[in-house]
């Protein structure tokens, strides 16, 4: 890295703008119970998304039509 003499908490310049790195930095500073809650909520969101996608993949049943002769 260009800044080898920086302390252990220093981040590279590109990491200051990266949303992934910013999110990880925020998680490092968060309380452990808050991180645990976020992980559980994320898992539930993924399960709900999976259920929606599986439901969308199933073909919808067509209603049965009956022919009626008119006059």
C-alpha atoms as a PDB file:
ATOM      1  CA  UNK A   1       0.000   0.000   0.000  1.00  0.00           C
ATOM      2  CA  UNK A   2       1.063   3.548  -0.500  1.00  0.00           C
ATOM      3  CA  UNK A   3       0.630   4.457   3.157  1.00  0.00           C
ATOM      4  CA  UNK A   4       2.477   1.675   5.018  1.00  0.00           C
ATOM      5  CA  UNK A   5       3.303   3.795   8.101  1.00  0.00           C
ATOM      6  CA  UNK A   6      -0.378   4.424   8.895  1.00  0.00           C
ATOM      7  CA  UNK A   7      -1.856   2.893  12.026  1.00  0.00           C
ATOM      8  CA  UNK A   8      -3.868  -0.327  12.053  1.00  0.00           C
ATOM      9  CA  UNK A   9      -7.188   1.551  11.787  1.00  0.00           C
ATOM     10  CA  UNK A  10      -6.180   3.540   8.699  1.00  0.00           C
ATOM     11  CA  UNK A  11      -7.966   2.847   5.439  1.00  0.00           C
ATOM     12  CA  UNK A  12      -6.850   3.305   1.873  1.00  0.00           C
ATOM     13  CA  UNK A  13      -8.172   6.361   0.044  1.00  0.00           C
ATOM     14  CA  UNK A  14     -10.403   4.296  -2.238  1.00  0.00           C
ATOM     15  CA  UNK A  15     -11.981   2.614   0.792  1.00  0.00           C
ATOM     16  CA  UNK A  16     -13.283   5.939   2.082  1.00  0.00           C
ATOM     17  CA  UNK A  17     -15.770   6.112  -0.811  1.00  0.00           C
ATOM     18  CA  UNK A  18     -16.570   2.438  -1.275  1.00  0.00           C
ATOM     19  CA  UNK A  19     -20.045   1.645   0.156  1.00  0.00           C
ATOM     20  CA  UNK A  20     -18.998  -1.928   0.965  1.00  0.00           C
ATOM     21  CA  UNK A  21     -15.974  -0.780   2.986  1.00  0.00           C
ATOM     22  CA  UNK A  22     -18.024   1.930   4.692  1.00  0.00           C
ATOM     23  CA  UNK A  23     -20.628  -0.659   5.689  1.00  0.00           C
ATOM     24  CA  UNK A  24     -17.982  -2.986   7.089  1.00  0.00           C
ATOM     25  CA  UNK A  25     -16.440  -0.121   9.065  1.00  0.00           C
ATOM     26  CA  UNK A  26     -19.847   0.736  10.515  1.00  0.00           C
ATOM     27  CA  UNK A  27     -20.394  -2.908  11.503  1.00  0.00           C
ATOM     28  CA  UNK A  28     -17.015  -3.012  13.262  1.00  0.00           C
ATOM     29  CA  UNK A  29     -18.075  -0.068  15.428  1.00  0.00           C
ATOM     30  CA  UNK A  30     -21.636  -1.329  16.084  1.00  0.00           C
ATOM     31  CA  UNK A  31     -22.721  -3.211  19.185  1.00  0.00           C
ATOM     32  CA  UNK A  32     -22.616  -7.012  18.764  1.00  0.00           C
ATOM     33  CA  UNK A  33     -26.351  -7.435  19.480  1.00  0.00           C
ATOM     34  CA  UNK A  34     -27.175  -4.906  16.762  1.00  0.00           C
ATOM     35  CA  UNK A  35     -25.018  -6.809  14.264  1.00  0.00           C
ATOM     36  CA  UNK A  36     -26.699 -10.070  15.273  1.00  0.00           C
ATOM     37  CA  UNK A  37     -30.123  -8.514  14.711  1.00  0.00           C
ATOM     38  CA  UNK A  38     -29.081  -7.244  11.267  1.00  0.00           C
ATOM     39  CA  UNK A  39     -27.776 -10.683  10.285  1.00  0.00           C
ATOM     40  CA  UNK A  40     -31.045 -12.342  11.336  1.00  0.00           C
ATOM     41  CA  UNK A  41     -33.101  -9.722   9.484  1.00  0.00           C
ATOM     42  CA  UNK A  42     -30.977 -10.220   6.365  1.00  0.00           C
ATOM     43  CA  UNK A  43     -31.485 -13.976   6.535  1.00  0.00           C
ATOM     44  CA  UNK A  44     -35.260 -13.502   6.808  1.00  0.00           C
ATOM     45  CA  UNK A  45     -35.201 -11.130   3.838  1.00  0.00           C
ATOM     46  CA  UNK A  46     -33.341 -13.714   1.757  1.00  0.00           C
ATOM     47  CA  UNK A  47     -35.828 -16.435   2.748  1.00  0.00           C
ATOM     48  CA  UNK A  48     -38.765 -14.203   1.796  1.00  0.00           C
ATOM     49  CA  UNK A  49     -37.150 -13.369  -1.545  1.00  0.00           C
ATOM     50  CA  UNK A  50     -36.559 -17.060  -2.197  1.00  0.00           C
ATOM     51  CA  UNK A  51     -40.218 -17.868  -1.458  1.00  0.00           C
ATOM     52  CA  UNK A  52     -41.370 -15.125  -3.831  1.00  0.00           C
ATOM     53  CA  UNK A  53     -39.093 -16.339  -6.605  1.00  0.00           C
ATOM     54  CA  UNK A  54     -40.172 -19.957  -6.167  1.00  0.00           C
ATOM     55  CA  UNK A  55     -43.824 -18.879  -6.301  1.00  0.00           C
ATOM     56  CA  UNK A  56     -43.213 -16.883  -9.465  1.00  0.00           C
ATOM     57  CA  UNK A  57     -41.493 -19.841 -11.124  1.00  0.00           C
ATOM     58  CA  UNK A  58     -44.552 -22.072 -10.728  1.00  0.00           C
ATOM     59  CA  UNK A  59     -46.981 -21.815 -13.629  1.00  0.00           C
ATOM     60  CA  UNK A  60     -50.285 -20.278 -12.665  1.00  0.00           C
ATOM     61  CA  UNK A  61     -53.200 -22.639 -13.011  1.00  0.00           C
ATOM     62  CA  UNK A  62     -55.657 -21.553 -15.660  1.00  0.00           C
ATOM     63  CA  UNK A  63     -59.281 -21.519 -14.705  1.00  0.00           C
ATOM     64  CA  UNK A  64     -61.256 -24.217 -16.445  1.00  0.00           C
ATOM     65  CA  UNK A  65     -63.506 -22.807 -19.146  1.00  0.00           C
ATOM     66  CA  UNK A  66     -66.845 -24.249 -20.099  1.00  0.00           C
ATOM     67  CA  UNK A  67     -68.336 -23.798 -23.518  1.00  0.00           C
ATOM     68  CA  UNK A  68     -71.894 -22.534 -23.447  1.00  0.00           C
ATOM     69  CA  UNK A  69     -73.899 -22.443 -26.668  1.00  0.00           C
ATOM     70  CA  UNK A  70     -75.928 -19.257 -26.958  1.00  0.00           C
ATOM     71  CA  UNK A  71     -79.085 -19.480 -29.073  1.00  0.00           C
END
